[in-house]
C-alpha atoms as a PDB file:
ATOM      1  CA  UNK A   1      -0.026   0.034   0.138  1.00  0.00           C
ATOM      2  CA  UNK A   2       1.241   3.214  -0.847  1.00  0.00           C
ATOM      3  CA  UNK A   3       0.931   6.793   0.792  1.00  0.00           C
ATOM      4  CA  UNK A   4      -0.196  10.018  -0.514  1.00  0.00           C
ATOM      5  CA  UNK A   5       2.767  12.432  -0.735  1.00  0.00           C
ATOM      6  CA  UNK A   6       1.917  15.940  -0.111  1.00  0.00           C
ATOM      7  CA  UNK A   7       3.808  18.764  -2.512  1.00  0.00           C
ATOM      8  CA  UNK A   8       4.499  22.148  -0.393  1.00  0.00           C
ATOM      9  CA  UNK A   9       6.310  23.679  -2.743  1.00  0.00           C
ATOM     10  CA  UNK A  10       9.174  23.540  -5.313  1.00  0.00           C
ATOM     11  CA  UNK A  11      12.238  24.343  -2.223  1.00  0.00           C
ATOM     12  CA  UNK A  12      10.879  21.968   0.249  1.00  0.00           C
ATOM     13  CA  UNK A  13      11.636  18.220  -0.279  1.00  0.00           C
ATOM     14  CA  UNK A  14       8.124  15.913  -0.215  1.00  0.00           C
ATOM     15  CA  UNK A  15       6.637  14.848   2.759  1.00  0.00           C
ATOM     16  CA  UNK A  16       4.725  11.898   3.544  1.00  0.00           C
ATOM     17  CA  UNK A  17       0.918  12.167   4.853  1.00  0.00           C
ATOM     18  CA  UNK A  18       0.916  11.060   8.261  1.00  0.00           C
ATOM     19  CA  UNK A  19      -2.549  10.661   9.749  1.00  0.00           C
ATOM     20  CA  UNK A  20      -2.253  10.453  13.188  1.00  0.00           C
ATOM     21  CA  UNK A  21      -0.835  13.530  12.986  1.00  0.00           C
ATOM     22  CA  UNK A  22      -4.191  15.167  11.642  1.00  0.00           C
ATOM     23  CA  UNK A  23      -5.768  13.287  14.075  1.00  0.00           C
ATOM     24  CA  UNK A  24      -3.722  15.306  16.702  1.00  0.00           C
ATOM     25  CA  UNK A  25      -4.189  18.166  15.267  1.00  0.00           C
ATOM     26  CA  UNK A  26      -7.633  17.557  15.200  1.00  0.00           C
ATOM     27  CA  UNK A  27      -8.006  16.584  18.991  1.00  0.00           C
ATOM     28  CA  UNK A  28      -5.704  19.668  19.876  1.00  0.00           C
ATOM     29  CA  UNK A  29      -7.906  21.948  17.994  1.00  0.00           C
ATOM     30  CA  UNK A  30     -11.891  20.061  19.594  1.00  0.00           C
ATOM     31  CA  UNK A  31      -9.902  20.738  23.275  1.00  0.00           C
ATOM     32  CA  UNK A  32      -9.565  24.263  22.383  1.00  0.00           C
ATOM     33  CA  UNK A  33     -13.052  24.657  21.666  1.00  0.00           C
ATOM     34  CA  UNK A  34     -14.272  22.848  24.348  1.00  0.00           C
ATOM     35  CA  UNK A  35     -11.643  24.877  26.091  1.00  0.00           C
ATOM     36  CA  UNK A  36     -13.317  27.566  25.339  1.00  0.00           C
ATOM     37  CA  UNK A  37     -16.877  26.607  25.763  1.00  0.00           C
ATOM     38  CA  UNK A  38     -16.404  24.614  28.687  1.00  0.00           C
ATOM     39  CA  UNK A  39     -12.743  26.049  30.668  1.00  0.00           C
ATOM     40  CA  UNK A  40     -10.963  22.538  30.342  1.00  0.00           C
ATOM     41  CA  UNK A  41     -14.023  20.632  32.377  1.00  0.00           C
ATOM     42  CA  UNK A  42     -12.953  17.147  32.528  1.00  0.00           C
ATOM     43  CA  UNK A  43      -9.462  17.225  31.327  1.00  0.00           C
ATOM     44  CA  UNK A  44      -6.801  15.960  33.578  1.00  0.00           C
ATOM     45  CA  UNK A  45      -5.746  17.915  36.689  1.00  0.00           C
ATOM     46  CA  UNK A  46      -7.912  20.641  35.439  1.00  0.00           C
ATOM     47  CA  UNK A  47      -8.988  23.578  37.776  1.00  0.00           C
ATOM     48  CA  UNK A  48     -11.632  26.412  36.809  1.00  0.00           C
ATOM     49  CA  UNK A  49     -10.150  28.971  34.993  1.00  0.00           C
ATOM     50  CA  UNK A  50      -7.114  27.041  33.280  1.00  0.00           C
ATOM     51  CA  UNK A  51      -6.881  27.737  30.213  1.00  0.00           C
ATOM     52  CA  UNK A  52      -4.270  26.668  27.105  1.00  0.00           C
ATOM     53  CA  UNK A  53      -1.197  27.960  25.516  1.00  0.00           C
ATOM     54  CA  UNK A  54      -0.692  27.791  21.899  1.00  0.00           C
ATOM     55  CA  UNK A  55       2.227  25.586  20.993  1.00  0.00           C
ATOM     56  CA  UNK A  56       4.109  24.470  18.049  1.00  0.00           C
ATOM     57  CA  UNK A  57       6.013  20.430  18.182  1.00  0.00           C
ATOM     58  CA  UNK A  58       8.813  19.944  16.138  1.00  0.00           C
ATOM     59  CA  UNK A  59      11.237  16.723  15.683  1.00  0.00           C
ATOM     60  CA  UNK A  60      14.653  17.437  14.594  1.00  0.00           C
ATOM     61  CA  UNK A  61      17.725  14.469  14.117  1.00  0.00           C
ATOM     62  CA  UNK A  62      17.877  14.466  17.677  1.00  0.00           C
ATOM     63  CA  UNK A  63      15.192  16.452  19.852  1.00  0.00           C
ATOM     64  CA  UNK A  64      11.662  17.360  20.333  1.00  0.00           C
ATOM     65  CA  UNK A  65      11.637  20.993  20.528  1.00  0.00           C
ATOM     66  CA  UNK A  66       8.372  22.618  21.846  1.00  0.00           C
ATOM     67  CA  UNK A  67       7.488  26.414  21.780  1.00  0.00           C
ATOM     68  CA  UNK A  68       4.669  27.579  22.977  1.00  0.00           C
ATOM     69  CA  UNK A  69       3.114  31.521  23.884  1.00  0.00           C
ATOM     70  CA  UNK A  70       3.265  32.654  26.954  1.00  0.00           C
ATOM     71  CA  UNK A  71       3.336  36.267  26.389  1.00  0.00           C
ATOM     72  CA  UNK A  72       4.045  38.762  29.259  1.00  0.00           C
ATOM     73  CA  UNK A  73       4.675  35.369  31.725  1.00  0.00           C
ATOM     74  CA  UNK A  74       8.157  35.665  33.533  1.00  0.00           C
ATOM     75  CA  UNK A  75      10.614  32.867  34.309  1.00  0.00           C
ATOM     76  CA  UNK A  76       9.283  32.651  37.943  1.00  0.00           C
ATOM     77  CA  UNK A  77       5.549  31.949  36.768  1.00  0.00           C
ATOM     78  CA  UNK A  78       6.516  29.151  34.407  1.00  0.00           C
ATOM     79  CA  UNK A  79       7.268  24.962  35.972  1.00  0.00           C
ATOM     80  CA  UNK A  80       7.983  21.988  33.638  1.00  0.00           C
ATOM     81  CA  UNK A  81       8.055  18.588  34.585  1.00  0.00           C
ATOM     82  CA  UNK A  82       8.666  15.184  32.857  1.00  0.00           C
ATOM     83  CA  UNK A  83       7.418  12.949  34.494  1.00  0.00           C
ATOM     84  CA  UNK A  84       6.213   9.279  32.920  1.00  0.00           C
ATOM     85  CA  UNK A  85       6.559   9.771  29.469  1.00  0.00           C
ATOM     86  CA  UNK A  86       4.561  13.354  29.657  1.00  0.00           C
ATOM     87  CA  UNK A  87       5.712  16.894  29.461  1.00  0.00           C
ATOM     88  CA  UNK A  88       4.263  19.602  31.516  1.00  0.00           C
ATOM     89  CA  UNK A  89       3.941  23.247  31.642  1.00  0.00           C
ATOM     90  CA  UNK A  90       2.339  24.768  34.094  1.00  0.00           C
ATOM     91  CA  UNK A  91       2.199  28.418  35.919  1.00  0.00           C
ATOM     92  CA  UNK A  92      -0.145  31.271  36.526  1.00  0.00           C
ATOM     93  CA  UNK A  93      -0.237  34.631  35.544  1.00  0.00           C
ATOM     94  CA  UNK A  94      -1.756  37.492  37.618  1.00  0.00           C
ATOM     95  CA  UNK A  95      -3.608  40.296  36.221  1.00  0.00           C
ATOM     96  CA  UNK A  96      -2.366  43.216  35.471  1.00  0.00           C
ATOM     97  CA  UNK A  97      -3.025  46.549  37.373  1.00  0.00           C
ATOM     98  CA  UNK A  98      -5.136  49.234  34.873  1.00  0.00           C
ATOM     99  CA  UNK A  99      -5.069  52.557  35.644  1.00  0.00           C
ATOM    100  CA  UNK A 100      -8.269  53.622  34.901  1.00  0.00           C
ATOM    101  CA  UNK A 101     -11.418  51.039  34.527  1.00  0.00           C
ATOM    102  CA  UNK A 102     -11.021  48.965  32.437  1.00  0.00           C
ATOM    103  CA  UNK A 103     -13.262  48.420  29.898  1.00  0.00           C
ATOM    104  CA  UNK A 104     -12.479  45.419  27.820  1.00  0.00           C
ATOM    105  CA  UNK A 105     -10.184  42.593  28.258  1.00  0.00           C
ATOM    106  CA  UNK A 106      -9.443  39.233  25.784  1.00  0.00           C
ATOM    107  CA  UNK A 107      -5.690  38.530  27.847  1.00  0.00           C
ATOM    108  CA  UNK A 108      -5.582  35.136  29.006  1.00  0.00           C
ATOM    109  CA  UNK A 109      -4.571  35.280  33.580  1.00  0.00           C
ATOM    110  CA  UNK A 110      -4.800  33.061  35.620  1.00  0.00           C
ATOM    111  CA  UNK A 111      -3.730  29.010  35.661  1.00  0.00           C
ATOM    112  CA  UNK A 112      -2.240  27.614  32.156  1.00  0.00           C
ATOM    113  CA  UNK A 113      -1.433  24.036  31.815  1.00  0.00           C
ATOM    114  CA  UNK A 114      -0.476  22.841  28.153  1.00  0.00           C
ATOM    115  CA  UNK A 115       0.621  19.024  28.579  1.00  0.00           C
ATOM    116  CA  UNK A 116       2.623  16.622  25.670  1.00  0.00           C
ATOM    117  CA  UNK A 117       2.687  12.927  25.800  1.00  0.00           C
ATOM    118  CA  UNK A 118       6.450  12.292  24.791  1.00  0.00           C
ATOM    119  CA  UNK A 119       7.827   9.565  22.321  1.00  0.00           C
ATOM    120  CA  UNK A 120       9.910   7.085  24.269  1.00  0.00           C
ATOM    121  CA  UNK A 121      12.807   7.733  22.766  1.00  0.00           C
ATOM    122  CA  UNK A 122      13.716  10.389  24.623  1.00  0.00           C
ATOM    123  CA  UNK A 123      16.282  11.405  27.340  1.00  0.00           C
ATOM    124  CA  UNK A 124      13.913  13.252  30.313  1.00  0.00           C
ATOM    125  CA  UNK A 125      17.622  14.380  32.247  1.00  0.00           C
ATOM    126  CA  UNK A 126      18.641  16.500  29.065  1.00  0.00           C
ATOM    127  CA  UNK A 127      15.459  18.363  29.077  1.00  0.00           C
ATOM    128  CA  UNK A 128      16.520  22.061  29.020  1.00  0.00           C
ATOM    129  CA  UNK A 129      14.607  25.291  28.138  1.00  0.00           C
ATOM    130  CA  UNK A 130      14.848  28.834  27.626  1.00  0.00           C
ATOM    131  CA  UNK A 131      11.956  31.811  27.662  1.00  0.00           C
ATOM    132  CA  UNK A 132      12.750  35.117  25.331  1.00  0.00           C
ATOM    133  CA  UNK A 133      10.368  37.404  23.241  1.00  0.00           C
ATOM    134  CA  UNK A 134       6.869  35.908  25.134  1.00  0.00           C
ATOM    135  CA  UNK A 135       8.151  32.263  23.961  1.00  0.00           C
ATOM    136  CA  UNK A 136       8.523  29.367  26.015  1.00  0.00           C
ATOM    137  CA  UNK A 137      11.629  26.895  23.777  1.00  0.00           C
ATOM    138  CA  UNK A 138      12.104  23.628  25.558  1.00  0.00           C
ATOM    139  CA  UNK A 139      14.595  20.776  23.793  1.00  0.00           C
ATOM    140  CA  UNK A 140      13.548  17.401  24.610  1.00  0.00           C
ATOM    141  CA  UNK A 141      16.334  15.556  23.083  1.00  0.00           C
ATOM    142  CA  UNK A 142      16.424  11.674  21.848  1.00  0.00           C
ATOM    143  CA  UNK A 143      18.616   9.236  23.671  1.00  0.00           C
ATOM    144  CA  UNK A 144      21.646   8.156  21.603  1.00  0.00           C
ATOM    145  CA  UNK A 145      20.207   5.070  20.516  1.00  0.00           C
ATOM    146  CA  UNK A 146      17.104   6.794  18.668  1.00  0.00           C
ATOM    147  CA  UNK A 147      19.364   9.383  16.696  1.00  0.00           C
ATOM    148  CA  UNK A 148      19.945   8.945  13.150  1.00  0.00           C
ATOM    149  CA  UNK A 149      23.063   7.468  12.262  1.00  0.00           C
ATOM    150  CA  UNK A 150      24.784   7.796   8.636  1.00  0.00           C
ATOM    151  CA  UNK A 151      26.481   4.392   7.760  1.00  0.00           C
ATOM    152  CA  UNK A 152      29.677   4.221   5.667  1.00  0.00           C
ATOM    153  CA  UNK A 153      29.380   1.880   2.412  1.00  0.00           C
ATOM    154  CA  UNK A 154      32.921  -0.234   1.997  1.00  0.00           C
ATOM    155  CA  UNK A 155      34.187  -2.177  -1.442  1.00  0.00           C
ATOM    156  CA  UNK A 156      33.558  -5.791  -0.806  1.00  0.00           C
END
């Protein structure tokens, strides 16, 4: 059985269609829809008012990179944990003080949480994170055995 090949542009090579990525994207979108409608009701570790930041998950040859949008959040307001094959980014933002009467607010505030299930091929002891320009970047390195190796062909 062959899988369809998606061509994005001439500059990038063709990529294979991954149905699991489509389901994960659908699951994330439905979760965000449910969060906006019911505030995350029923999710593990759920608390009233908990919101989930938007994030991108990228895989490179030697790591998985999670970039979460956390505008206005300081380093001491964020906690990152790796437990049982799951990465949890959580924290809380305090309401800002305003001069005058606040007429409308669409900024998210309060408790936030982002969860990502990690593959088995990661090294949880070497996870690193940085926060710059409102974007939290978490790098989860792959285990040495899972990294691609180049095999040299010898004359035989």
